[in-house]
């Protein structure tokens, strides 16, 4: 069990959201000490080098990958529980919980990274924007025109709103720091080894499947929040919801389609569609195919406004639930 009640956890999550919105990820801190997520990455990398042997068969590599995830998630959960219970023993120790929680929320840093893409168009044109967008997406930036860069930035806004903000906040609200740490370990593992490559298709199978599972509720909630934020950019809640319900399943990811389709409906533009990742071309259908296909720099700005509004709505939702529990 966690050290704090559900009601207390909700207020702590709300405080973490406020801290993240105000401060984000200060570079001056993380230039001096490693970000905690890099610790997770170092552990995952060590297990990958140790247990994922090229000489092993696919069945053994899948078993070793499953073992890796079980061990590391257990360690992450235990670390979160130890820290949370230790803080609960001190007078006012609870104030450090939202500070720690804010480190793992990425709404402010996502906003800053996406806005950097928009600003790069003004400062250095398409070439600079391609470089900026390459920091937040995995596709080949050199193949993207202005509309492609804009779509990539907007899609990253929607998807990362879900797994970089809503999901960690949700698991922190449910299970406290143990849930938050476990989620970030799973999400980091998926980004590192959850790929369908010769090396990681078997070893990363458990990481990818577990990441799909833990992101399932957050992706739907993210789509809901984005749809509710649609009026802030001239869109309608109804259209955003309808596009989300109609097109989310077209996405190759079981989760990313929900916030991306909601964003497409909110901005009335087409997202996803065919795109290139290195030498591989993904021929996916468009989300909201009837919307504008010529996404622009202005649409990046509108997506950032949706992100801001949806983050604020998430905080309001947390507060409403916490107040309801008080009554």
Protein backbone atom coordinates (compact mmCIF):
# COMPACT_ATOMS: atom_id res chain seq x y z
CA UNK A 1 0.00 0.00 0.00
CA UNK A 2 1.08 3.57 -0.61
CA UNK A 3 1.75 5.99 2.22
CA UNK A 4 -1.01 8.44 1.28
CA UNK A 5 -4.77 8.16 0.85
CA UNK A 6 -6.40 8.57 -2.57
CA UNK A 7 -7.61 12.05 -1.62
CA UNK A 8 -4.11 13.08 -0.55
CA UNK A 9 -2.58 11.62 -3.71
CA UNK A 10 -4.93 13.67 -5.86
CA UNK A 11 -3.87 16.91 -4.17
CA UNK A 12 -0.23 15.88 -4.51
CA UNK A 13 -0.74 15.18 -8.22
CA UNK A 14 -2.40 18.58 -8.64
CA UNK A 15 0.58 20.22 -6.95
CA UNK A 16 2.93 18.28 -9.25
CA UNK A 17 0.99 19.52 -12.29
CA UNK A 18 1.31 23.12 -11.09
CA UNK A 19 5.05 22.74 -10.43
CA UNK A 20 5.63 21.18 -13.84
CA UNK A 21 3.66 23.97 -15.54
CA UNK A 22 5.64 26.64 -13.69
CA UNK A 23 9.13 25.17 -13.89
CA UNK A 24 9.25 22.32 -16.39
CA UNK A 25 12.66 20.64 -16.73
CA UNK A 26 15.28 23.30 -15.89
CA UNK A 27 18.40 22.66 -17.98
CA UNK A 28 20.65 24.10 -15.29
CA UNK A 29 19.69 21.22 -12.99
CA UNK A 30 19.94 18.34 -15.46
CA UNK A 31 23.25 19.59 -16.83
CA UNK A 32 24.69 18.99 -13.37
CA UNK A 33 22.96 15.77 -12.32
CA UNK A 34 21.47 12.96 -14.42
CA UNK A 35 17.72 13.04 -14.93
CA UNK A 36 16.09 10.10 -13.07
CA UNK A 37 14.79 8.70 -16.36
CA UNK A 38 18.41 8.27 -17.47
CA UNK A 39 18.90 6.02 -14.44
CA UNK A 40 16.06 3.83 -15.70
CA UNK A 41 17.66 3.88 -19.15
CA UNK A 42 21.02 2.80 -17.77
CA UNK A 43 19.44 -0.18 -16.01
CA UNK A 44 17.49 -1.21 -19.09
CA UNK A 45 20.60 -0.88 -21.24
CA UNK A 46 22.62 -3.02 -18.82
CA UNK A 47 20.02 -5.81 -18.85
CA UNK A 48 19.82 -5.57 -22.64
CA UNK A 49 23.57 -6.07 -22.98
CA UNK A 50 23.62 -8.81 -20.34
CA UNK A 51 20.64 -10.95 -21.31
CA UNK A 52 19.81 -10.18 -24.95
CA UNK A 53 22.38 -12.39 -26.65
CA UNK A 54 22.49 -12.77 -30.43
CA UNK A 55 23.26 -16.48 -29.99
CA UNK A 56 20.00 -17.11 -28.08
CA UNK A 57 16.84 -18.34 -29.74
CA UNK A 58 13.74 -16.18 -30.02
CA UNK A 59 11.89 -18.00 -27.23
CA UNK A 60 14.78 -17.54 -24.80
CA UNK A 61 15.20 -13.89 -25.74
CA UNK A 62 11.50 -13.27 -25.14
CA UNK A 63 11.75 -15.01 -21.76
CA UNK A 64 14.80 -12.93 -20.82
CA UNK A 65 13.03 -9.76 -21.91
CA UNK A 66 10.03 -10.65 -19.77
CA UNK A 67 12.33 -11.39 -16.82
CA UNK A 68 14.01 -8.01 -17.34
CA UNK A 69 10.73 -6.12 -17.22
CA UNK A 70 9.47 -7.99 -14.15
CA UNK A 71 12.69 -7.32 -12.25
CA UNK A 72 13.04 -3.67 -13.23
CA UNK A 73 9.39 -2.77 -12.68
CA UNK A 74 9.61 -4.39 -9.24
CA UNK A 75 12.73 -2.36 -8.46
CA UNK A 76 11.09 0.86 -9.68
CA UNK A 77 7.97 0.17 -7.60
CA UNK A 78 10.07 -0.62 -4.52
CA UNK A 79 12.13 2.55 -4.97
CA UNK A 80 9.00 4.67 -5.22
CA UNK A 81 7.48 3.00 -2.16
CA UNK A 82 10.67 3.45 -0.13
CA UNK A 83 10.93 7.14 -1.00
CA UNK A 84 7.25 7.81 -0.38
CA UNK A 85 7.14 6.05 2.99
CA UNK A 86 10.38 7.70 4.08
CA UNK A 87 8.99 11.15 3.28
CA UNK A 88 5.73 10.35 5.09
CA UNK A 89 7.65 9.81 8.34
CA UNK A 90 8.87 13.41 8.46
CA UNK A 91 6.85 16.47 9.38
CA UNK A 92 5.86 18.13 6.11
CA UNK A 93 7.84 15.52 4.19
CA UNK A 94 4.87 15.20 1.89
CA UNK A 95 5.78 18.52 0.22
CA UNK A 96 8.64 16.76 -1.58
CA UNK A 97 6.29 14.24 -3.21
CA UNK A 98 4.85 16.65 -5.82
CA UNK A 99 8.35 18.03 -6.45
CA UNK A 100 9.53 14.52 -7.29
CA UNK A 101 6.35 13.85 -9.25
CA UNK A 102 6.79 16.99 -11.36
CA UNK A 103 10.16 15.70 -12.56
CA UNK A 104 8.34 12.87 -14.36
CA UNK A 105 5.60 15.04 -15.89
CA UNK A 106 6.44 16.52 -19.27
CA UNK A 107 3.68 18.92 -20.26
CA UNK A 108 5.81 22.06 -19.90
CA UNK A 109 8.88 20.55 -21.59
CA UNK A 110 6.67 19.20 -24.40
CA UNK A 111 5.19 22.67 -24.89
CA UNK A 112 8.69 24.18 -25.02
CA UNK A 113 10.00 21.60 -27.51
CA UNK A 114 7.02 21.97 -29.83
CA UNK A 115 7.14 25.76 -29.64
CA UNK A 116 10.82 25.54 -30.57
CA UNK A 117 9.79 23.92 -33.87
CA UNK A 118 7.38 26.78 -34.55
CA UNK A 119 9.99 29.38 -33.67
CA UNK A 120 12.59 27.63 -35.85
CA UNK A 121 10.49 28.34 -38.95
CA UNK A 122 10.72 32.05 -38.18
CA UNK A 123 14.40 32.01 -37.22
CA UNK A 124 15.91 29.66 -39.78
CA UNK A 125 13.23 28.47 -42.17
CA UNK A 126 12.44 24.88 -43.12
CA UNK A 127 15.97 23.58 -42.55
CA UNK A 128 16.03 24.81 -38.95
CA UNK A 129 12.51 23.49 -38.35
CA UNK A 130 13.50 20.04 -39.63
CA UNK A 131 16.37 19.98 -37.14
CA UNK A 132 14.09 21.06 -34.29
CA UNK A 133 11.40 18.50 -35.08
CA UNK A 134 14.00 15.72 -35.28
CA UNK A 135 14.46 16.17 -31.51
CA UNK A 136 10.89 15.03 -30.79
CA UNK A 137 10.01 12.56 -33.58
CA UNK A 138 11.65 9.46 -35.04
CA UNK A 139 10.83 9.98 -38.71
CA UNK A 140 13.29 11.20 -41.35
CA UNK A 141 13.15 15.02 -41.12
CA UNK A 142 14.94 15.62 -44.45
CA UNK A 143 11.96 14.18 -46.33
CA UNK A 144 9.49 16.61 -44.72
CA UNK A 145 8.16 19.80 -46.27
CA UNK A 146 6.53 22.55 -44.18
CA UNK A 147 3.26 20.63 -43.91
CA UNK A 148 5.13 17.44 -42.98
CA UNK A 149 7.15 19.15 -40.26
CA UNK A 150 3.99 20.78 -38.93
CA UNK A 151 2.08 17.48 -38.86
CA UNK A 152 4.99 15.73 -37.14
CA UNK A 153 5.15 18.38 -34.42
CA UNK A 154 1.38 18.29 -33.89
CA UNK A 155 1.25 14.49 -33.75
CA UNK A 156 4.10 14.50 -31.22
CA UNK A 157 2.17 17.05 -29.15
CA UNK A 158 -0.88 14.80 -29.00
CA UNK A 159 0.90 11.50 -28.41
CA UNK A 160 3.33 12.83 -25.81
CA UNK A 161 0.54 14.65 -23.99
CA UNK A 162 -0.79 11.15 -23.31
CA UNK A 163 2.32 9.18 -22.39
CA UNK A 164 4.42 12.08 -21.12
CA UNK A 165 1.83 13.78 -18.95
CA UNK A 166 -1.59 12.16 -18.55
CA UNK A 167 -0.34 8.60 -18.03
CA UNK A 168 2.28 9.39 -15.34
CA UNK A 169 -0.17 11.71 -13.57
CA UNK A 170 -2.86 9.02 -13.70
CA UNK A 171 -0.66 6.27 -12.28
CA UNK A 172 0.66 8.62 -9.61
CA UNK A 173 -2.94 9.44 -8.62
CA UNK A 174 -3.81 5.74 -8.39
CA UNK A 175 -0.65 4.31 -6.80
CA UNK A 176 1.50 7.27 -5.71
CA UNK A 177 5.22 7.39 -6.39
CA UNK A 178 5.43 3.58 -6.82
CA UNK A 179 2.93 3.74 -9.68
CA UNK A 180 4.66 6.76 -11.19
CA UNK A 181 8.12 5.15 -11.08
CA UNK A 182 6.84 1.84 -12.45
CA UNK A 183 5.06 3.58 -15.32
CA UNK A 184 8.12 5.61 -16.30
CA UNK A 185 10.27 2.48 -16.22
CA UNK A 186 7.84 0.68 -18.53
CA UNK A 187 7.55 3.65 -20.89
CA UNK A 188 11.33 4.09 -21.02
CA UNK A 189 11.81 0.38 -21.69
CA UNK A 190 9.34 0.53 -24.57
CA UNK A 191 11.19 3.46 -26.13
CA UNK A 192 14.53 1.64 -25.80
CA UNK A 193 13.78 -2.01 -26.55
CA UNK A 194 10.14 -2.18 -27.62
CA UNK A 195 10.95 -2.08 -31.33
CA UNK A 196 10.30 -4.62 -34.07
CA UNK A 197 13.94 -4.98 -35.02
CA UNK A 198 16.02 -8.13 -35.33
CA UNK A 199 17.62 -7.45 -31.96
CA UNK A 200 14.59 -6.37 -29.98
CA UNK A 201 11.47 -7.94 -31.49
CA UNK A 202 11.63 -10.87 -29.07
CA UNK A 203 13.53 -9.31 -26.16
CA UNK A 204 11.37 -6.17 -26.16
CA UNK A 205 8.06 -8.00 -26.62
CA UNK A 206 7.06 -7.79 -22.93
CA UNK A 207 8.06 -4.11 -22.70
CA UNK A 208 5.98 -3.19 -25.74
CA UNK A 209 2.91 -5.17 -24.67
CA UNK A 210 3.02 -3.86 -21.10
CA UNK A 211 3.45 -0.29 -22.36
CA UNK A 212 0.36 -0.72 -24.53
CA UNK A 213 -1.57 -1.93 -21.48
CA UNK A 214 -0.56 0.82 -19.04
CA UNK A 215 -1.14 3.55 -21.63
CA UNK A 216 -4.61 2.31 -22.58
CA UNK A 217 -6.64 4.30 -20.01
CA UNK A 218 -4.51 7.43 -20.34
CA UNK A 219 -4.78 7.53 -24.12
CA UNK A 220 -8.58 7.59 -23.95
CA UNK A 221 -8.52 10.19 -21.19
CA UNK A 222 -6.06 12.28 -23.21
CA UNK A 223 -8.36 12.18 -26.21
CA UNK A 224 -11.23 13.33 -24.00
CA UNK A 225 -9.20 16.26 -22.61
CA UNK A 226 -8.03 17.32 -26.07
CA UNK A 227 -11.61 17.21 -27.36
CA UNK A 228 -12.77 19.31 -24.42
CA UNK A 229 -10.02 21.84 -25.25
CA UNK A 230 -11.07 22.15 -28.92
CA UNK A 231 -13.14 25.35 -28.39
CA UNK A 232 -9.99 27.16 -27.24
CA UNK A 233 -8.72 27.06 -30.85
CA UNK A 234 -12.01 27.55 -32.64
CA UNK A 235 -12.84 23.85 -32.94
CA UNK A 236 -15.82 22.02 -31.56
CA UNK A 237 -15.98 19.34 -28.91
CA UNK A 238 -18.41 17.34 -31.02
CA UNK A 239 -16.19 17.20 -34.09
CA UNK A 240 -13.12 16.29 -32.07
CA UNK A 241 -15.01 13.48 -30.33
CA UNK A 242 -16.49 12.14 -33.57
CA UNK A 243 -13.12 12.09 -35.34
CA UNK A 244 -11.56 10.39 -32.33
CA UNK A 245 -14.23 7.70 -32.17
CA UNK A 246 -14.22 7.15 -35.95
CA UNK A 247 -10.49 7.25 -36.67
CA UNK A 248 -8.56 6.26 -33.53
CA UNK A 249 -8.64 2.61 -34.59
CA UNK A 250 -7.00 3.42 -37.93
CA UNK A 251 -3.70 4.18 -36.21
CA UNK A 252 -1.15 1.38 -36.05
CA UNK A 253 -0.75 2.03 -32.33
CA UNK A 254 -3.59 0.87 -30.08
CA UNK A 255 -3.20 4.04 -28.02
CA UNK A 256 -1.61 6.88 -29.99
CA UNK A 257 -4.57 7.10 -32.34
CA UNK A 258 -6.89 8.41 -29.59
CA UNK A 259 -5.13 11.69 -28.75
CA UNK A 260 -3.92 12.17 -32.33
CA UNK A 261 -7.38 11.71 -33.82
CA UNK A 262 -8.86 14.03 -31.19
CA UNK A 263 -6.22 16.64 -32.06
CA UNK A 264 -6.92 16.22 -35.78
CA UNK A 265 -10.61 16.85 -35.13
CA UNK A 266 -9.93 19.79 -32.81
CA UNK A 267 -7.75 21.54 -35.41
CA UNK A 268 -9.75 20.21 -38.41
CA UNK A 269 -6.61 18.96 -40.14
CA UNK A 270 -5.49 15.55 -41.39
CA UNK A 271 -2.78 13.84 -39.35
CA UNK A 272 -0.74 10.63 -39.62
CA UNK A 273 -0.84 9.20 -43.16
CA UNK A 274 2.22 7.90 -45.07
CA UNK A 275 5.59 8.84 -43.58
CA UNK A 276 9.23 7.73 -43.64
CA UNK A 277 11.34 6.35 -40.78
CA UNK A 278 14.88 6.05 -42.15
CA UNK A 279 14.66 3.59 -45.03
CA UNK A 280 11.19 2.36 -44.01
CA UNK A 281 8.01 3.93 -45.34
CA UNK A 282 4.86 3.54 -43.22
CA UNK A 283 1.76 3.73 -45.40
CA UNK A 284 -0.83 4.55 -42.73
CA UNK A 285 -4.25 6.08 -43.44
CA UNK A 286 -4.90 9.69 -42.53
CA UNK A 287 -6.78 10.59 -39.37
CA UNK A 288 -9.57 13.06 -40.22
CA UNK A 289 -8.92 12.62 -43.94
CA UNK A 290 -11.64 15.19 -44.73
CA UNK A 291 -9.72 17.91 -42.88
CA UNK A 292 -7.04 20.17 -44.33
CA UNK A 293 -3.94 18.29 -45.52
CA UNK A 294 -1.74 21.38 -45.66
CA UNK A 295 -0.90 21.75 -41.97
CA UNK A 296 1.00 24.95 -41.30
CA UNK A 297 3.17 26.68 -38.70
CA UNK A 298 0.04 28.35 -37.36
CA UNK A 299 -1.43 24.91 -36.68
CA UNK A 300 1.58 24.12 -34.48
CA UNK A 301 0.73 27.20 -32.45
CA UNK A 302 -2.91 26.09 -32.22
CA UNK A 303 -1.84 22.60 -31.10
CA UNK A 304 0.27 24.18 -28.36
CA UNK A 305 -2.81 26.08 -27.19
CA UNK A 306 -4.75 22.83 -27.09
CA UNK A 307 -1.92 21.29 -25.05
CA UNK A 308 -2.01 24.20 -22.60
CA UNK A 309 -5.80 24.09 -22.26
CA UNK A 310 -5.94 20.29 -21.96
CA UNK A 311 -3.26 20.36 -19.24
CA UNK A 312 -5.26 22.98 -17.33
CA UNK A 313 -8.42 20.90 -17.74
CA UNK A 314 -6.58 17.87 -16.37
CA UNK A 315 -5.72 19.88 -13.27
CA UNK A 316 -9.33 21.03 -12.91
CA UNK A 317 -10.53 17.42 -13.23
CA UNK A 318 -8.13 16.28 -10.50
CA UNK A 319 -9.33 19.10 -8.22
CA UNK A 320 -12.99 18.28 -8.84
CA UNK A 321 -12.47 14.62 -7.96
CA UNK A 322 -10.47 15.54 -4.84
CA UNK A 323 -13.19 17.98 -3.70
CA UNK A 324 -15.87 15.38 -4.36
CA UNK A 325 -14.01 12.92 -2.11
CA UNK A 326 -13.97 15.58 0.61
CA UNK A 327 -17.76 15.93 0.57
